[in-house]
């Protein structure tokens, strides 16, 4: 058995996965639970979701011992999505000969195998063909498989790179990075709350000072108004001294005497006394 990593064109793909259907719909959880089972413990999983051509979703399990890594696309799922139906194929690659089997749009549980022996790969393909139920057969020209199609893998693949691997468990470094990031976020939130609280306190103090100054200003203005209304000492009132303008008593007597002397001396038989 060869390694589990191949290169098609410029892309790197994972091969040699164990595939299982997951009709329940909880595909990722089912994949993680299956990865923890004895005998098939795996480090990575991928999900091939249901689509127009895929009636039942399925998941694949991968192992780091085969060279699989997180984020790596899976070759079987990418090709099965590009070529729906029921078929079997064998393709020569630089890393070995890869055999893939798809029935009713589902990758067979053991239908994703990379052989380092060309003859073993041909025997496996003929075995799948003998079981029947395949609509198409892909095989190299030199194998002389009846009814086979020698179309190269890159043309069938259509440059797809789907169903990428995900870690079953978070790596310790990611957990550490996540904890550190959470601590930084918590610290930033704490500092932001502290800063906001300090700003609120300063604003409240400024508002209190403004209110106090306004109260003092109002109090001072009221006192000034009262002082103006009740000015002390009171301003000296001015009165018109009419007696100062009136004629003197001796002047009045003199005027009266003068007028009296102008009266005729005899009036109606009366004689004025001297």
Protein backbone atom coordinates (compact mmCIF):
# COMPACT_ATOMS: atom_id res chain seq x y z
CA UNK A 1 0.00 0.00 0.00
CA UNK A 2 1.35 3.42 -0.98
CA UNK A 3 1.07 6.68 0.98
CA UNK A 4 -2.16 8.62 1.19
CA UNK A 5 -1.09 11.80 -0.63
CA UNK A 6 -1.03 12.27 -4.42
CA UNK A 7 -0.58 15.18 -6.80
CA UNK A 8 -2.85 15.76 -9.79
CA UNK A 9 -1.79 18.70 -11.89
CA UNK A 10 -0.80 21.38 -9.40
CA UNK A 11 -3.07 20.23 -6.59
CA UNK A 12 -2.38 17.94 -3.65
CA UNK A 13 -5.09 15.43 -2.68
CA UNK A 14 -5.68 12.94 0.10
CA UNK A 15 -6.49 9.34 -0.88
CA UNK A 16 -6.97 6.09 1.00
CA UNK A 17 -9.85 7.28 3.23
CA UNK A 18 -12.45 5.05 4.85
CA UNK A 19 -15.88 6.18 3.64
CA UNK A 20 -19.21 5.70 5.42
CA UNK A 21 -22.75 6.97 4.68
CA UNK A 22 -24.49 9.14 7.30
CA UNK A 23 -28.25 9.27 6.67
CA UNK A 24 -28.97 10.78 10.09
CA UNK A 25 -27.86 14.25 8.94
CA UNK A 26 -25.48 14.82 11.85
CA UNK A 27 -22.54 14.03 9.63
CA UNK A 28 -19.71 15.81 11.44
CA UNK A 29 -20.72 14.40 14.83
CA UNK A 30 -21.08 10.91 13.37
CA UNK A 31 -17.61 11.25 11.80
CA UNK A 32 -15.99 12.29 15.09
CA UNK A 33 -17.70 9.48 16.96
CA UNK A 34 -16.56 6.95 14.35
CA UNK A 35 -13.02 8.32 14.44
CA UNK A 36 -12.83 7.49 18.15
CA UNK A 37 -13.89 3.83 17.70
CA UNK A 38 -11.20 1.17 18.29
CA UNK A 39 -9.76 -0.21 15.07
CA UNK A 40 -10.55 2.86 12.99
CA UNK A 41 -9.14 5.65 15.09
CA UNK A 42 -8.51 8.62 12.82
CA UNK A 43 -7.02 12.06 13.10
CA UNK A 44 -9.05 13.78 10.38
CA UNK A 45 -12.47 13.56 8.81
CA UNK A 46 -14.28 15.16 5.88
CA UNK A 47 -17.94 15.58 5.05
CA UNK A 48 -19.43 14.95 1.62
CA UNK A 49 -22.73 16.74 1.93
CA UNK A 50 -25.93 15.81 0.11
CA UNK A 51 -26.64 17.58 -3.19
CA UNK A 52 -28.73 17.21 -6.33
CA UNK A 53 -26.66 14.18 -7.36
CA UNK A 54 -25.84 12.91 -3.84
CA UNK A 55 -28.96 11.65 -2.10
CA UNK A 56 -27.23 10.42 1.06
CA UNK A 57 -24.35 12.37 2.65
CA UNK A 58 -21.25 10.54 3.78
CA UNK A 59 -18.03 11.15 5.65
CA UNK A 60 -14.45 9.99 5.21
CA UNK A 61 -11.86 9.20 7.89
CA UNK A 62 -8.16 9.94 7.40
CA UNK A 63 -4.96 9.39 9.39
CA UNK A 64 -1.91 11.58 9.81
CA UNK A 65 0.29 8.46 9.46
CA UNK A 66 -0.62 8.40 5.76
CA UNK A 67 0.48 12.01 5.32
CA UNK A 68 -2.97 13.49 5.59
CA UNK A 69 -3.20 17.07 6.85
CA UNK A 70 -5.93 19.49 7.83
CA UNK A 71 -7.37 21.42 4.89
CA UNK A 72 -6.30 18.85 2.29
CA UNK A 73 -8.87 18.10 -0.43
CA UNK A 74 -9.96 14.49 -0.93
CA UNK A 75 -9.54 13.04 -4.42
CA UNK A 76 -12.36 10.46 -4.23
CA UNK A 77 -15.01 13.02 -3.22
CA UNK A 78 -13.80 15.58 -5.77
CA UNK A 79 -13.97 13.02 -8.61
CA UNK A 80 -17.28 11.55 -7.43
CA UNK A 81 -18.84 15.01 -7.41
CA UNK A 82 -17.58 15.61 -10.95
CA UNK A 83 -18.66 12.14 -12.21
CA UNK A 84 -22.00 11.10 -10.65
CA UNK A 85 -23.58 7.67 -11.00
CA UNK A 86 -22.09 4.20 -10.51
CA UNK A 87 -18.62 3.54 -11.90
CA UNK A 88 -15.16 2.17 -11.13
CA UNK A 89 -11.79 3.48 -12.23
CA UNK A 90 -8.07 2.93 -12.00
CA UNK A 91 -5.63 5.76 -12.68
CA UNK A 92 -1.85 5.69 -12.84
CA UNK A 93 -0.20 8.47 -10.84
CA UNK A 94 3.40 9.23 -9.92
CA UNK A 95 2.74 7.96 -6.38
CA UNK A 96 1.12 4.68 -7.55
CA UNK A 97 -2.08 3.40 -9.13
CA UNK A 98 -5.26 4.70 -7.56
CA UNK A 99 -8.49 2.68 -7.65
CA UNK A 100 -11.81 4.33 -6.81
CA UNK A 101 -15.28 2.77 -6.74
CA UNK A 102 -18.54 4.76 -6.70
CA UNK A 103 -21.96 3.13 -6.49
CA UNK A 104 -25.19 5.13 -6.59
CA UNK A 105 -23.18 8.35 -6.09
CA UNK A 106 -21.66 6.98 -2.88
CA UNK A 107 -17.96 6.19 -2.55
CA UNK A 108 -17.63 2.54 -1.51
CA UNK A 109 -16.29 2.07 2.07
CA UNK A 110 -13.09 0.52 0.71
CA UNK A 111 -13.34 2.14 -2.71
CA UNK A 112 -10.54 4.70 -2.25
CA UNK A 113 -7.21 2.83 -2.42
CA UNK A 114 -3.74 3.77 -3.71
CA UNK A 115 -1.66 0.75 -4.79
CA UNK A 116 2.08 0.80 -5.30
CA UNK A 117 1.71 -2.34 -7.44
CA UNK A 118 0.07 -1.95 -10.85
CA UNK A 119 -1.00 -5.59 -11.04
CA UNK A 120 -2.72 -5.47 -7.64
CA UNK A 121 -4.61 -2.38 -8.72
CA UNK A 122 -5.78 -4.13 -11.92
CA UNK A 123 -6.98 -7.17 -9.96
CA UNK A 124 -8.97 -4.94 -7.65
CA UNK A 125 -10.62 -3.11 -10.56
CA UNK A 126 -11.57 -6.39 -12.27
CA UNK A 127 -13.03 -7.63 -8.98
CA UNK A 128 -15.32 -4.60 -8.75
CA UNK A 129 -16.35 -4.97 -12.39
CA UNK A 130 -17.22 -8.63 -11.83
CA UNK A 131 -19.65 -7.65 -9.08
CA UNK A 132 -21.65 -5.72 -11.64
CA UNK A 133 -23.71 -2.57 -11.16
CA UNK A 134 -21.15 -0.17 -12.68
CA UNK A 135 -22.17 1.98 -15.61
CA UNK A 136 -18.68 3.12 -16.59
CA UNK A 137 -15.17 1.73 -16.26
CA UNK A 138 -12.03 3.85 -16.38
CA UNK A 139 -8.73 2.03 -16.95
CA UNK A 140 -5.37 2.54 -18.69
CA UNK A 141 -5.15 1.42 -22.35
CA UNK A 142 -2.56 -1.26 -21.62
CA UNK A 143 -4.85 -3.16 -19.25
CA UNK A 144 -7.21 -4.26 -22.01
CA UNK A 145 -10.29 -4.13 -19.76
CA UNK A 146 -13.37 -4.67 -21.95
CA UNK A 147 -15.55 -1.55 -22.28
CA UNK A 148 -13.12 0.63 -20.33
CA UNK A 149 -12.59 4.36 -20.92
CA UNK A 150 -8.94 5.57 -20.93
CA UNK A 151 -9.81 9.24 -20.30
CA UNK A 152 -7.03 10.79 -18.16
CA UNK A 153 -7.84 11.66 -14.56
CA UNK A 154 -7.28 15.46 -14.91
CA UNK A 155 -9.97 15.64 -17.62
CA UNK A 156 -12.45 13.73 -15.46
CA UNK A 157 -11.58 15.67 -12.31
CA UNK A 158 -12.26 19.09 -13.88
CA UNK A 159 -9.82 20.71 -11.44
CA UNK A 160 -12.14 20.17 -8.47
CA UNK A 161 -10.75 20.22 -4.91
CA UNK A 162 -13.59 19.51 -2.51
CA UNK A 163 -14.42 17.79 0.77
CA UNK A 164 -11.42 19.04 2.76
CA UNK A 165 -10.05 17.33 5.85
CA UNK A 166 -10.77 18.63 9.32
CA UNK A 167 -9.10 17.62 12.59
CA UNK A 168 -11.11 15.32 14.80
CA UNK A 169 -9.63 17.00 17.87
CA UNK A 170 -8.22 20.46 18.13
CA UNK A 171 -4.41 20.46 18.23
CA UNK A 172 -2.89 21.56 21.53
CA UNK A 173 -1.25 24.59 19.93
CA UNK A 174 -4.63 25.74 18.62
CA UNK A 175 -6.09 25.31 22.10
CA UNK A 176 -3.21 27.36 23.54
CA UNK A 177 -3.59 30.01 20.84
CA UNK A 178 -7.33 30.07 21.40
CA UNK A 179 -6.91 30.45 25.16
CA UNK A 180 -4.36 33.23 24.65
CA UNK A 181 -6.65 34.98 22.17
CA UNK A 182 -9.57 34.66 24.58
CA UNK A 183 -7.41 36.12 27.39
CA UNK A 184 -6.39 39.04 25.17
CA UNK A 185 -10.00 39.69 24.19
CA UNK A 186 -11.06 39.51 27.86
CA UNK A 187 -8.30 41.95 28.83
CA UNK A 188 -9.27 44.36 26.06
CA UNK A 189 -12.91 44.21 27.12
CA UNK A 190 -11.92 44.78 30.76
CA UNK A 191 -9.72 47.76 29.85
CA UNK A 192 -12.46 49.16 27.63
CA UNK A 193 -14.99 48.90 30.47
CA UNK A 194 -12.55 50.52 32.89
CA UNK A 195 -11.89 53.36 30.44
CA UNK A 196 -15.60 53.86 29.88
CA UNK A 197 -16.22 53.89 33.64
CA UNK A 198 -13.47 56.48 34.12
CA UNK A 199 -14.92 58.62 31.33
CA UNK A 200 -18.37 58.41 32.95
CA UNK A 201 -16.88 59.42 36.32
CA UNK A 202 -15.08 62.42 34.79
CA UNK A 203 -18.23 63.43 32.95
CA UNK A 204 -20.28 63.18 36.15
CA UNK A 205 -17.75 65.30 38.03
CA UNK A 206 -17.74 67.94 35.30
CA UNK A 207 -21.53 67.98 35.28
CA UNK A 208 -21.64 68.35 39.07
CA UNK A 209 -19.14 71.23 38.91
CA UNK A 210 -21.18 72.93 36.22
CA UNK A 211 -24.36 72.56 38.25
CA UNK A 212 -22.62 73.89 41.35
CA UNK A 213 -21.24 76.87 39.42
CA UNK A 214 -24.68 77.54 37.99
CA UNK A 215 -26.22 77.42 41.45
CA UNK A 216 -23.57 79.83 42.78
CA UNK A 217 -24.17 82.13 39.83
CA UNK A 218 -27.91 82.08 40.40
CA UNK A 219 -27.45 82.71 44.11
CA UNK A 220 -25.09 85.66 43.45
CA UNK A 221 -27.48 87.14 40.91
CA UNK A 222 -30.40 86.94 43.35
CA UNK A 223 -28.41 88.71 46.07
CA UNK A 224 -27.40 91.45 43.65
CA UNK A 225 -31.02 91.92 42.63
CA UNK A 226 -32.07 92.19 46.30
CA UNK A 227 -29.26 94.66 46.99
CA UNK A 228 -30.40 96.80 44.11
CA UNK A 229 -34.00 96.63 45.32
CA UNK A 230 -33.13 97.28 48.96
CA UNK A 231 -30.11 99.51 48.56
CA UNK A 232 -28.34 100.31 51.78
CA UNK A 233 -27.78 102.92 52.84
CA UNK A 234 -30.97 104.20 51.22
CA UNK A 235 -30.51 106.93 48.69
CA UNK A 236 -31.44 110.43 49.92
CA UNK A 237 -34.80 111.41 48.52
CA UNK A 238 -35.14 114.85 46.97
CA UNK A 239 -38.14 117.04 48.02
CA UNK A 240 -39.26 120.35 46.53
CA UNK A 241 -38.77 123.02 49.20
CA UNK A 242 -41.67 125.25 48.30
CA UNK A 243 -41.17 127.44 51.38
CA UNK A 244 -37.78 128.48 50.12
CA UNK A 245 -39.42 129.88 47.01
CA UNK A 246 -42.32 131.52 48.88
CA UNK A 247 -42.22 135.30 49.69
CA UNK A 248 -40.90 136.47 53.07
CA UNK A 249 -43.48 137.53 55.71
CA UNK A 250 -42.23 141.15 55.95
CA UNK A 251 -42.40 141.40 52.17
CA UNK A 252 -45.99 140.23 52.24
CA UNK A 253 -46.91 142.81 54.89
CA UNK A 254 -45.17 145.53 52.96
CA UNK A 255 -47.02 144.63 49.81
CA UNK A 256 -50.30 144.55 51.65
CA UNK A 257 -49.66 147.98 53.16
CA UNK A 258 -48.82 149.39 49.78
CA UNK A 259 -52.01 148.07 48.28
CA UNK A 260 -53.99 149.30 51.23
CA UNK A 261 -52.66 152.81 50.80
CA UNK A 262 -53.82 152.82 47.22
CA UNK A 263 -57.44 152.45 48.26
CA UNK A 264 -59.44 155.77 47.94
CA UNK A 265 -59.75 157.67 51.22
CA UNK A 266 -63.54 158.20 51.03
CA UNK A 267 -65.84 155.45 49.84
CA UNK A 268 -69.62 155.66 50.24
CA UNK A 269 -69.41 158.27 52.95
CA UNK A 270 -66.77 156.45 54.89
CA UNK A 271 -63.48 158.05 55.71
CA UNK A 272 -60.36 155.96 55.98
CA UNK A 273 -58.46 156.40 59.15
CA UNK A 274 -54.88 157.42 59.03
